[in-house]
Amino acid sequence: MNAPSRPSTSASFPVPDSPTVSPGPPATPNAPAESVVSEAPPFGKPVPGRAGLVYTPGQPETPQNMVDIRGIEPGTKVRDPLTKTVFRVP
């Protein structure tokens, strides 16, 4: 009786049966934490005269780009349903 073979996930790099742990780069004191610190998403821009609506950052300020943020706390990360851009509520 033959055991079923596992499908290969990559032709050039087969998946090992058990995970291997490789050591990371040596720790350097006083090294910048660039890989640890991530930039926070930008804030949406409030639509003048329209409470609870914002424009998605980096998009044209048109009615199609207004996002309803009513009831969402300031500073909360939200995603524009059309562009999928993540931004924070002002």
N, C-alpha and C. Protein backbone atom coordinates (compact mmCIF):
# COMPACT_ATOMS: atom_id res chain seq x y z
N MET A 1 0.84 -1.17 0.00
CA MET A 1 0.00 0.00 0.00
C MET A 1 0.89 1.24 0.00
N ASN A 2 0.67 2.14 -0.91
CA ASN A 2 1.47 3.36 -1.03
C ASN A 2 0.81 4.47 -0.25
N ALA A 3 1.64 5.23 0.48
CA ALA A 3 1.13 6.39 1.22
C ALA A 3 0.94 7.52 0.23
N PRO A 4 -0.11 8.33 0.39
CA PRO A 4 -0.29 9.45 -0.53
C PRO A 4 0.84 10.44 -0.37
N SER A 5 1.30 10.98 -1.47
CA SER A 5 2.39 11.95 -1.40
C SER A 5 1.82 13.33 -1.14
N ARG A 6 2.62 14.16 -0.44
CA ARG A 6 2.21 15.54 -0.17
C ARG A 6 2.46 16.37 -1.40
N PRO A 7 1.52 17.24 -1.76
CA PRO A 7 1.78 18.12 -2.89
C PRO A 7 2.88 19.11 -2.54
N SER A 8 3.71 19.40 -3.47
CA SER A 8 4.80 20.35 -3.27
C SER A 8 4.25 21.77 -3.35
N THR A 9 4.67 22.62 -2.40
CA THR A 9 4.21 24.00 -2.42
C THR A 9 5.10 24.87 -3.28
N SER A 10 6.29 24.38 -3.59
CA SER A 10 7.20 25.14 -4.42
C SER A 10 8.11 24.16 -5.15
N ALA A 11 8.32 24.38 -6.42
CA ALA A 11 9.14 23.47 -7.20
C ALA A 11 10.60 23.54 -6.80
N SER A 12 11.10 24.71 -6.43
CA SER A 12 12.52 24.82 -6.13
C SER A 12 12.83 24.78 -4.63
N PHE A 13 11.83 24.96 -3.76
CA PHE A 13 12.07 24.95 -2.33
C PHE A 13 11.04 24.07 -1.65
N PRO A 14 11.31 22.78 -1.47
CA PRO A 14 10.33 21.91 -0.83
C PRO A 14 10.13 22.31 0.63
N VAL A 15 8.96 22.03 1.16
CA VAL A 15 8.63 22.34 2.54
C VAL A 15 9.20 21.25 3.42
N PRO A 16 10.01 21.58 4.45
CA PRO A 16 10.55 20.55 5.32
C PRO A 16 9.45 19.93 6.18
N ASP A 17 9.70 18.69 6.63
CA ASP A 17 8.72 18.00 7.46
C ASP A 17 8.60 18.64 8.84
N SER A 18 9.68 19.16 9.37
CA SER A 18 9.63 19.83 10.67
C SER A 18 10.23 21.22 10.52
N PRO A 19 9.72 22.17 11.29
CA PRO A 19 10.25 23.53 11.16
C PRO A 19 11.69 23.60 11.64
N THR A 20 12.47 24.41 10.97
CA THR A 20 13.84 24.63 11.39
C THR A 20 13.96 26.05 11.92
N VAL A 21 14.81 26.20 12.89
CA VAL A 21 15.02 27.51 13.49
C VAL A 21 16.39 27.99 13.06
N SER A 22 16.41 29.11 12.40
CA SER A 22 17.70 29.68 12.01
C SER A 22 17.97 30.89 12.89
N PRO A 23 19.21 31.05 13.30
CA PRO A 23 19.50 32.21 14.16
C PRO A 23 19.38 33.49 13.37
N GLY A 24 18.90 34.52 14.02
CA GLY A 24 18.76 35.83 13.39
C GLY A 24 20.09 36.54 13.38
N PRO A 25 20.10 37.76 12.89
CA PRO A 25 21.34 38.52 12.91
C PRO A 25 21.77 38.80 14.34
N PRO A 26 23.04 38.95 14.58
CA PRO A 26 23.48 39.21 15.95
C PRO A 26 22.91 40.52 16.48
N ALA A 27 22.60 40.51 17.75
CA ALA A 27 22.03 41.70 18.39
C ALA A 27 23.10 42.77 18.48
N THR A 28 22.74 43.97 18.10
CA THR A 28 23.66 45.09 18.17
C THR A 28 23.06 46.13 19.10
N PRO A 29 23.74 46.41 20.22
CA PRO A 29 23.21 47.46 21.09
C PRO A 29 23.24 48.79 20.38
N ASN A 30 22.30 49.63 20.67
CA ASN A 30 22.16 50.95 20.08
C ASN A 30 21.85 50.92 18.58
N ALA A 31 21.37 49.78 18.09
CA ALA A 31 20.99 49.69 16.68
C ALA A 31 19.64 50.36 16.49
N PRO A 32 19.43 51.03 15.36
CA PRO A 32 18.12 51.65 15.12
C PRO A 32 17.04 50.57 15.03
N ALA A 33 15.87 50.89 15.53
CA ALA A 33 14.76 49.93 15.55
C ALA A 33 13.88 50.09 14.34
N GLU A 34 14.47 50.23 13.16
CA GLU A 34 13.70 50.46 11.94
C GLU A 34 12.74 49.32 11.63
N SER A 35 13.18 48.08 11.86
CA SER A 35 12.33 46.95 11.53
C SER A 35 11.22 46.74 12.55
N VAL A 36 11.38 47.31 13.74
CA VAL A 36 10.38 47.13 14.79
C VAL A 36 9.31 48.22 14.72
N VAL A 37 9.72 49.43 14.42
CA VAL A 37 8.79 50.56 14.40
C VAL A 37 8.13 50.63 13.03
N SER A 38 6.81 50.58 13.03
CA SER A 38 6.10 50.73 11.77
C SER A 38 5.39 52.08 11.77
N GLU A 39 5.28 52.64 10.60
CA GLU A 39 4.65 53.94 10.48
C GLU A 39 3.14 53.79 10.64
N ALA A 40 2.56 54.64 11.46
CA ALA A 40 1.11 54.60 11.66
C ALA A 40 0.41 55.10 10.41
N PRO A 41 -0.77 54.55 10.13
CA PRO A 41 -1.51 55.03 8.95
C PRO A 41 -1.88 56.51 9.11
N PRO A 42 -2.04 57.21 8.00
CA PRO A 42 -2.41 58.63 8.08
C PRO A 42 -3.86 58.81 8.52
N PHE A 43 -4.20 60.02 8.91
CA PHE A 43 -5.58 60.33 9.29
C PHE A 43 -6.38 60.69 8.04
N GLY A 44 -7.68 60.36 8.07
CA GLY A 44 -8.58 60.81 7.02
C GLY A 44 -8.78 62.31 7.15
N LYS A 45 -9.24 62.94 6.08
CA LYS A 45 -9.47 64.39 6.10
C LYS A 45 -10.96 64.65 6.22
N PRO A 46 -11.39 65.37 7.27
CA PRO A 46 -12.83 65.65 7.44
C PRO A 46 -13.41 66.39 6.23
N VAL A 47 -14.63 66.02 5.87
CA VAL A 47 -15.33 66.69 4.77
C VAL A 47 -15.97 67.95 5.35
N PRO A 48 -15.65 69.14 4.83
CA PRO A 48 -16.22 70.38 5.35
C PRO A 48 -17.76 70.36 5.27
N GLY A 49 -18.39 70.71 6.39
CA GLY A 49 -19.85 70.80 6.44
C GLY A 49 -20.57 69.46 6.50
N ARG A 50 -19.84 68.34 6.60
CA ARG A 50 -20.46 67.02 6.62
C ARG A 50 -19.90 66.23 7.80
N ALA A 51 -20.48 66.40 8.99
CA ALA A 51 -20.02 65.70 10.18
C ALA A 51 -20.12 64.19 9.97
N GLY A 52 -19.08 63.47 10.39
CA GLY A 52 -19.09 62.02 10.29
C GLY A 52 -18.61 61.47 8.96
N LEU A 53 -18.17 62.34 8.06
CA LEU A 53 -17.64 61.88 6.79
C LEU A 53 -16.21 62.39 6.62
N VAL A 54 -15.36 61.55 6.05
CA VAL A 54 -13.97 61.92 5.78
C VAL A 54 -13.59 61.48 4.38
N TYR A 55 -12.54 62.12 3.86
CA TYR A 55 -11.95 61.68 2.61
C TYR A 55 -10.81 60.74 2.94
N THR A 56 -10.63 59.72 2.13
CA THR A 56 -9.51 58.80 2.30
C THR A 56 -8.22 59.53 1.93
N PRO A 57 -7.17 59.40 2.76
CA PRO A 57 -5.90 60.06 2.45
C PRO A 57 -5.34 59.58 1.10
N GLY A 58 -4.81 60.53 0.33
CA GLY A 58 -4.19 60.20 -0.94
C GLY A 58 -5.17 60.03 -2.08
N GLN A 59 -6.44 60.25 -1.84
CA GLN A 59 -7.46 60.14 -2.89
C GLN A 59 -8.02 61.52 -3.21
N PRO A 60 -8.54 61.72 -4.41
CA PRO A 60 -9.16 63.01 -4.74
C PRO A 60 -10.36 63.28 -3.81
N GLU A 61 -10.56 64.52 -3.48
CA GLU A 61 -11.67 64.90 -2.60
C GLU A 61 -12.95 65.02 -3.41
N THR A 62 -13.53 63.89 -3.73
CA THR A 62 -14.77 63.82 -4.49
C THR A 62 -15.82 63.07 -3.68
N PRO A 63 -17.10 63.24 -3.99
CA PRO A 63 -18.14 62.53 -3.25
C PRO A 63 -17.95 61.01 -3.26
N GLN A 64 -17.36 60.45 -4.31
CA GLN A 64 -17.14 59.01 -4.38
C GLN A 64 -16.12 58.52 -3.35
N ASN A 65 -15.27 59.43 -2.87
CA ASN A 65 -14.21 59.06 -1.93
C ASN A 65 -14.53 59.42 -0.49
N MET A 66 -15.79 59.74 -0.19
CA MET A 66 -16.19 60.01 1.19
C MET A 66 -16.44 58.68 1.91
N VAL A 67 -15.96 58.61 3.15
CA VAL A 67 -16.16 57.42 3.97
C VAL A 67 -16.93 57.82 5.23
N ASP A 68 -17.97 57.08 5.55
CA ASP A 68 -18.79 57.34 6.73
C ASP A 68 -18.09 56.76 7.95
N ILE A 69 -17.71 57.62 8.90
CA ILE A 69 -17.02 57.17 10.11
C ILE A 69 -17.84 57.47 11.36
N ARG A 70 -19.14 57.73 11.19
CA ARG A 70 -19.99 58.04 12.35
C ARG A 70 -19.98 56.88 13.34
N GLY A 71 -19.79 57.24 14.62
CA GLY A 71 -19.81 56.24 15.69
C GLY A 71 -18.48 55.53 15.90
N ILE A 72 -17.45 55.90 15.16
CA ILE A 72 -16.13 55.27 15.32
C ILE A 72 -15.23 56.24 16.07
N GLU A 73 -14.56 55.73 17.09
CA GLU A 73 -13.72 56.56 17.95
C GLU A 73 -12.52 57.15 17.19
N PRO A 74 -12.17 58.41 17.49
CA PRO A 74 -10.98 59.01 16.87
C PRO A 74 -9.73 58.17 17.15
N GLY A 75 -8.87 58.06 16.15
CA GLY A 75 -7.64 57.29 16.28
C GLY A 75 -7.79 55.84 15.85
N THR A 76 -9.03 55.37 15.66
CA THR A 76 -9.28 54.00 15.25
C THR A 76 -8.87 53.80 13.80
N LYS A 77 -8.23 52.67 13.51
CA LYS A 77 -7.87 52.35 12.13
C LYS A 77 -9.11 51.82 11.42
N VAL A 78 -9.35 52.33 10.22
CA VAL A 78 -10.47 51.89 9.40
C VAL A 78 -9.95 51.63 7.98
N ARG A 79 -10.74 50.90 7.19
CA ARG A 79 -10.36 50.59 5.82
C ARG A 79 -11.42 51.13 4.87
N ASP A 80 -10.98 51.89 3.87
CA ASP A 80 -11.87 52.39 2.83
C ASP A 80 -12.42 51.19 2.07
N PRO A 81 -13.76 51.05 1.98
CA PRO A 81 -14.31 49.87 1.32
C PRO A 81 -14.04 49.81 -0.18
N LEU A 82 -13.74 50.93 -0.81
CA LEU A 82 -13.48 50.92 -2.26
C LEU A 82 -11.99 50.74 -2.58
N THR A 83 -11.14 51.53 -1.94
CA THR A 83 -9.71 51.49 -2.27
C THR A 83 -8.94 50.52 -1.39
N LYS A 84 -9.54 50.08 -0.30
CA LYS A 84 -8.90 49.18 0.68
C LYS A 84 -7.75 49.85 1.42
N THR A 85 -7.68 51.18 1.35
CA THR A 85 -6.64 51.95 2.05
C THR A 85 -6.98 52.00 3.54
N VAL A 86 -5.98 51.74 4.38
CA VAL A 86 -6.16 51.83 5.83
C VAL A 86 -5.76 53.23 6.27
N PHE A 87 -6.62 53.85 7.09
CA PHE A 87 -6.31 55.17 7.64
C PHE A 87 -6.95 55.27 9.02
N ARG A 88 -6.60 56.34 9.73
CA ARG A 88 -7.15 56.54 11.08
C ARG A 88 -8.24 57.60 11.06
N VAL A 89 -9.19 57.42 11.98
CA VAL A 89 -10.29 58.37 12.12
C VAL A 89 -9.76 59.61 12.82
N PRO A 90 -9.99 60.80 12.25
CA PRO A 90 -9.52 62.03 12.89
C PRO A 90 -10.31 62.37 14.14
